[in-house]
């Protein structure tokens, strides 16, 4: 659970749930991101790859090499406790990466792609 103070001075309690079982099948995620053109990333995730000097081709390669051993946890979003995000840890050269996926009406989406 995480507490946040809003502008009016009241504390808003945000419930975050976690589980150690993936919400989305890894093979579906891999199938969704087979090419650079397939990548759906948030602006923040894309900016992180730029800052880490990871090209889109490498993003695809990293996703395609993920295994269930890379799975870390599944967690709900801060905004909606019904929306789940799967978190994976991966190694790319010397970088230890934190990669977060979710699924919406348009398909799978990369929420985070940052250094751990």
Protein backbone atom coordinates (compact mmCIF):
# COMPACT_ATOMS: atom_id res chain seq x y z
CA UNK A 1 0.00 0.00 0.00
CA UNK A 2 1.25 3.51 -0.79
CA UNK A 3 0.09 6.79 0.67
CA UNK A 4 0.11 9.97 -1.39
CA UNK A 5 -0.78 13.47 -0.24
CA UNK A 6 -2.92 15.34 -2.74
CA UNK A 7 -2.98 19.12 -3.14
CA UNK A 8 -5.87 19.62 -0.71
CA UNK A 9 -3.78 18.11 2.08
CA UNK A 10 -5.74 14.87 2.40
CA UNK A 11 -4.02 11.53 2.22
CA UNK A 12 -5.19 9.32 -0.60
CA UNK A 13 -4.57 5.64 0.01
CA UNK A 14 -3.70 3.76 -3.14
CA UNK A 15 -3.95 -0.03 -3.02
CA UNK A 16 -1.43 -1.89 -5.15
CA UNK A 17 -1.71 -5.63 -5.46
CA UNK A 18 1.13 -7.92 -6.47
CA UNK A 19 1.41 -11.57 -7.38
CA UNK A 20 4.25 -13.87 -8.37
CA UNK A 21 2.41 -15.39 -11.34
CA UNK A 22 2.35 -13.66 -14.72
CA UNK A 23 -0.92 -12.22 -15.94
CA UNK A 24 -0.04 -12.38 -19.64
CA UNK A 25 1.49 -15.31 -21.52
CA UNK A 26 5.10 -14.51 -22.39
CA UNK A 27 4.70 -16.15 -25.80
CA UNK A 28 1.84 -13.72 -26.58
CA UNK A 29 4.06 -10.78 -25.60
CA UNK A 30 6.87 -12.09 -27.80
CA UNK A 31 4.44 -12.63 -30.69
CA UNK A 32 3.19 -9.05 -30.32
CA UNK A 33 6.70 -7.56 -30.53
CA UNK A 34 8.50 -9.45 -33.30
CA UNK A 35 9.68 -6.41 -35.27
CA UNK A 36 10.50 -2.76 -34.65
CA UNK A 37 7.22 -1.79 -36.34
CA UNK A 38 5.31 -3.97 -33.85
CA UNK A 39 6.61 -2.08 -30.81
CA UNK A 40 3.96 -0.19 -28.81
CA UNK A 41 5.74 1.78 -26.11
CA UNK A 42 4.80 4.59 -23.79
CA UNK A 43 6.64 7.85 -24.35
CA UNK A 44 8.49 7.28 -21.07
CA UNK A 45 9.59 3.76 -22.04
CA UNK A 46 10.82 5.01 -25.41
CA UNK A 47 12.70 7.90 -23.81
CA UNK A 48 14.42 5.49 -21.42
CA UNK A 49 15.65 3.35 -24.33
CA UNK A 50 17.07 6.49 -25.97
CA UNK A 51 18.83 7.52 -22.76
CA UNK A 52 20.24 3.99 -22.34
CA UNK A 53 21.33 4.02 -26.01
CA UNK A 54 19.28 0.90 -26.76
CA UNK A 55 17.97 0.85 -30.32
CA UNK A 56 14.56 -0.45 -31.30
CA UNK A 57 16.16 -3.50 -32.94
CA UNK A 58 17.77 -4.31 -29.59
CA UNK A 59 14.45 -3.79 -27.78
CA UNK A 60 12.95 -6.49 -30.02
CA UNK A 61 15.94 -8.80 -29.42
CA UNK A 62 15.73 -8.31 -25.65
CA UNK A 63 12.00 -9.10 -25.61
CA UNK A 64 12.50 -12.15 -27.83
CA UNK A 65 15.15 -13.55 -25.47
CA UNK A 66 13.00 -13.21 -22.34
CA UNK A 67 12.13 -16.46 -20.57
CA UNK A 68 9.87 -17.27 -17.66
CA UNK A 69 13.04 -17.14 -15.54
CA UNK A 70 13.14 -13.38 -16.23
CA UNK A 71 9.65 -12.88 -14.77
CA UNK A 72 9.74 -10.86 -11.53
CA UNK A 73 6.15 -10.03 -10.56
CA UNK A 74 2.73 -8.93 -11.70
CA UNK A 75 1.28 -5.77 -10.19
CA UNK A 76 -1.76 -3.57 -10.56
CA UNK A 77 -1.54 0.02 -11.73
CA UNK A 78 -1.77 2.92 -9.31
CA UNK A 79 -4.81 4.23 -11.17
CA UNK A 80 -6.84 1.01 -11.41
CA UNK A 81 -6.46 -2.08 -9.23
CA UNK A 82 -8.08 -4.14 -12.00
CA UNK A 83 -5.34 -3.45 -14.57
CA UNK A 84 -2.36 -5.78 -14.28
CA UNK A 85 1.22 -5.21 -15.44
CA UNK A 86 3.87 -7.93 -15.76
CA UNK A 87 7.43 -7.05 -14.76
CA UNK A 88 10.51 -8.78 -16.15
CA UNK A 89 14.18 -8.32 -15.31
CA UNK A 90 16.69 -8.79 -18.12
CA UNK A 91 20.39 -8.33 -18.78
CA UNK A 92 21.64 -6.42 -21.84
CA UNK A 93 25.40 -6.13 -21.88
CA UNK A 94 26.28 -4.47 -18.58
CA UNK A 95 22.75 -3.10 -18.13
CA UNK A 96 20.25 -4.71 -15.79
CA UNK A 97 16.81 -3.87 -17.18
CA UNK A 98 13.33 -3.53 -15.69
CA UNK A 99 10.69 -4.14 -18.35
CA UNK A 100 6.97 -3.80 -17.70
CA UNK A 101 4.15 -4.92 -20.01
CA UNK A 102 0.39 -4.54 -19.92
CA UNK A 103 -2.46 -5.23 -22.29
CA UNK A 104 -5.22 -2.84 -23.32
CA UNK A 105 -7.90 -2.77 -26.02
CA UNK A 106 -5.24 -2.29 -28.71
CA UNK A 107 -3.01 -5.15 -27.53
CA UNK A 108 0.21 -5.44 -25.56
CA UNK A 109 2.04 -2.29 -24.51
CA UNK A 110 5.53 -1.69 -23.10
CA UNK A 111 5.06 0.54 -20.07
CA UNK A 112 8.64 0.62 -18.76
CA UNK A 113 12.01 -0.20 -20.25
CA UNK A 114 14.55 1.18 -17.81
CA UNK A 115 17.68 0.39 -15.89
CA UNK A 116 17.16 -1.43 -12.59
